Amino acid sequence: MRIAIAQDGNRVSEHFGHCEGYAIFDVEDSIIYRRDDLPNPPGHEPGRLPVFLAGGHGGVNLIIAGGMGGPRAVQLFNGSGIQVLLGISGNTDYVAQDYIAGRLSPGEEFLQPRGRRRVPRTPLRRVHYP
């Protein structure tokens, strides 16, 4: 399994498409055996990142972020075979370990198209990690 966590520094980014880059974790038998940092490609347009992460960079199966543009963005990732977990914050390494251990409890957060104000579309269960 390959997990991509949107990151700003060593923290989970609040917006998947506008993050600095992605922490890519390769996981096998519940053990992280490799971590790479991948810069976010320039230009943010619908449908580009699912192709970039699913095909161009070795088949990411899951993305984790604080928020994302909206339900259509999630559909684009799901259409490329990538699951989406939103409403997560904290240190990227701890979040990856907590996901593998089954300790993540994601909420859903979508962002307004103009600006970065959060607009929860479902009851928000914001999860904070150290």
Protein backbone atom coordinates (compact mmCIF):
# COMPACT_ATOMS: atom_id res chain seq x y z
CA MET A 1 0.00 0.00 0.00
CA ARG A 2 1.14 3.55 -0.71
CA ILE A 3 -0.15 6.42 1.42
CA ALA A 4 0.24 10.08 0.41
CA ILE A 5 -0.13 12.63 3.19
CA ALA A 6 -0.42 16.28 2.14
CA GLN A 7 2.17 18.17 4.15
CA ASP A 8 3.38 21.66 4.98
CA GLY A 9 6.69 21.17 6.74
CA ASN A 10 6.22 18.07 8.87
CA ARG A 11 2.50 18.71 9.52
CA VAL A 12 -0.59 17.53 7.67
CA SER A 13 -1.65 20.31 5.30
CA GLU A 14 -5.04 21.96 5.66
CA HIS A 15 -5.61 21.87 1.89
CA PHE A 16 -4.58 18.88 -0.17
CA GLY A 17 -4.14 20.68 -3.49
CA HIS A 18 -2.26 23.69 -2.11
CA CYS A 19 0.22 21.87 0.13
CA GLU A 20 4.02 22.14 -0.12
CA GLY A 21 4.31 18.46 -0.97
CA TYR A 22 3.42 14.91 -0.08
CA ALA A 23 4.92 12.44 2.36
CA ILE A 24 4.70 9.09 0.55
CA PHE A 25 4.70 6.04 2.81
CA ASP A 26 5.15 2.50 1.49
CA VAL A 27 3.47 0.03 3.84
CA GLU A 28 3.58 -3.74 3.90
CA ASP A 29 2.27 -6.03 6.64
CA SER A 30 1.42 -2.97 8.76
CA ILE A 31 5.04 -1.76 8.67
CA ILE A 32 6.30 1.42 7.00
CA TYR A 33 9.37 0.33 5.07
CA ARG A 34 9.98 3.51 3.07
CA ARG A 35 9.15 7.20 3.18
CA ASP A 36 9.74 9.70 0.39
CA ASP A 37 8.92 13.40 0.13
CA LEU A 38 7.43 14.51 -3.16
CA PRO A 39 6.99 18.21 -4.02
CA ASN A 40 3.55 19.37 -5.12
CA PRO A 41 3.62 19.94 -8.88
CA PRO A 42 3.02 23.57 -9.94
CA GLY A 43 -0.47 24.56 -11.03
CA HIS A 44 -3.64 23.46 -9.30
CA GLU A 45 -6.37 22.18 -11.58
CA PRO A 46 -9.13 19.59 -11.12
CA GLY A 47 -8.18 16.03 -12.03
CA ARG A 48 -4.45 16.62 -12.27
CA LEU A 49 -3.36 15.37 -8.84
CA PRO A 50 -5.22 12.02 -9.01
CA VAL A 51 -3.39 11.18 -12.23
CA PHE A 52 -0.09 12.46 -10.80
CA LEU A 53 -0.36 10.34 -7.63
CA ALA A 54 -2.10 7.24 -9.00
CA GLY A 55 -0.09 6.73 -12.14
CA GLY A 56 2.93 8.95 -12.37
CA HIS A 57 4.23 8.21 -8.89
CA GLY A 58 3.79 4.56 -8.28
CA GLY A 59 0.19 3.93 -7.47
CA VAL A 60 -0.88 5.78 -4.34
CA ASN A 61 -3.86 3.99 -2.75
CA LEU A 62 -4.81 6.48 -0.03
CA ILE A 63 -4.47 10.21 0.56
CA ILE A 64 -4.77 11.94 3.92
CA ALA A 65 -5.26 15.69 4.40
CA GLY A 66 -6.89 18.30 6.57
CA GLY A 67 -9.26 19.41 3.83
CA MET A 68 -10.03 19.32 0.13
CA GLY A 69 -11.91 21.46 -2.37
CA GLY A 70 -15.18 19.56 -2.29
CA PRO A 71 -17.05 16.37 -3.04
CA ARG A 72 -16.08 16.52 -6.73
CA ALA A 73 -12.39 16.44 -5.77
CA VAL A 74 -12.99 13.30 -3.69
CA GLN A 75 -14.85 11.73 -6.63
CA LEU A 76 -11.88 12.41 -8.94
CA PHE A 77 -9.53 10.62 -6.54
CA ASN A 78 -11.96 7.73 -6.01
CA GLY A 79 -12.28 7.41 -9.79
CA SER A 80 -8.51 6.89 -9.95
CA GLY A 81 -8.69 4.16 -7.30
CA ILE A 82 -7.50 6.38 -4.44
CA GLN A 83 -9.31 6.50 -1.09
CA VAL A 84 -9.54 9.87 0.69
CA LEU A 85 -9.38 10.64 4.43
CA LEU A 86 -10.03 14.24 5.46
CA GLY A 87 -10.28 16.17 8.71
CA ILE A 88 -6.86 15.05 9.95
CA SER A 89 -4.13 17.21 11.47
CA GLY A 90 -0.80 16.61 13.18
CA ASN A 91 2.69 15.33 12.47
CA THR A 92 2.76 13.34 9.20
CA ASP A 93 4.82 10.46 10.63
CA TYR A 94 2.49 10.01 13.62
CA VAL A 95 -0.58 10.23 11.41
CA ALA A 96 0.79 7.50 9.11
CA GLN A 97 1.53 5.26 12.08
CA ASP A 98 -1.92 5.91 13.57
CA TYR A 99 -3.62 5.07 10.27
CA ILE A 100 -1.77 1.75 10.04
CA ALA A 101 -2.69 0.96 13.68
CA GLY A 102 -6.36 1.77 13.00
CA ARG A 103 -6.41 4.78 15.33
CA LEU A 104 -7.50 7.49 12.84
CA SER A 105 -11.03 8.84 13.08
CA PRO A 106 -11.44 11.11 10.08
CA GLY A 107 -13.99 13.86 9.63
CA GLU A 108 -14.88 15.48 6.32
CA GLU A 109 -13.80 18.99 5.45
CA PHE A 110 -14.29 20.78 2.20
CA LEU A 111 -13.06 24.26 1.38
CA GLN A 112 -14.88 27.06 -0.37
CA PRO A 113 -13.67 27.60 -3.96
CA ARG A 114 -12.71 31.22 -3.25
CA GLY A 115 -10.47 31.30 -0.23
CA ARG A 116 -9.49 28.95 2.48
CA ARG A 117 -12.37 29.18 4.92
CA ARG A 118 -13.52 25.75 5.99
CA VAL A 119 -17.04 24.67 5.17
CA PRO A 120 -17.97 21.35 6.77
CA ARG A 121 -20.52 19.51 4.64
CA THR A 122 -21.06 16.77 7.19
CA PRO A 123 -20.72 16.84 10.98
CA LEU A 124 -17.07 17.57 11.59
CA ARG A 125 -15.01 15.38 13.86
CA ARG A 126 -11.66 17.18 13.72
CA VAL A 127 -8.87 14.93 14.90
CA HIS A 128 -5.63 16.42 16.25
CA TYR A 129 -2.41 14.50 16.60
CA PRO A 130 0.88 15.67 18.17
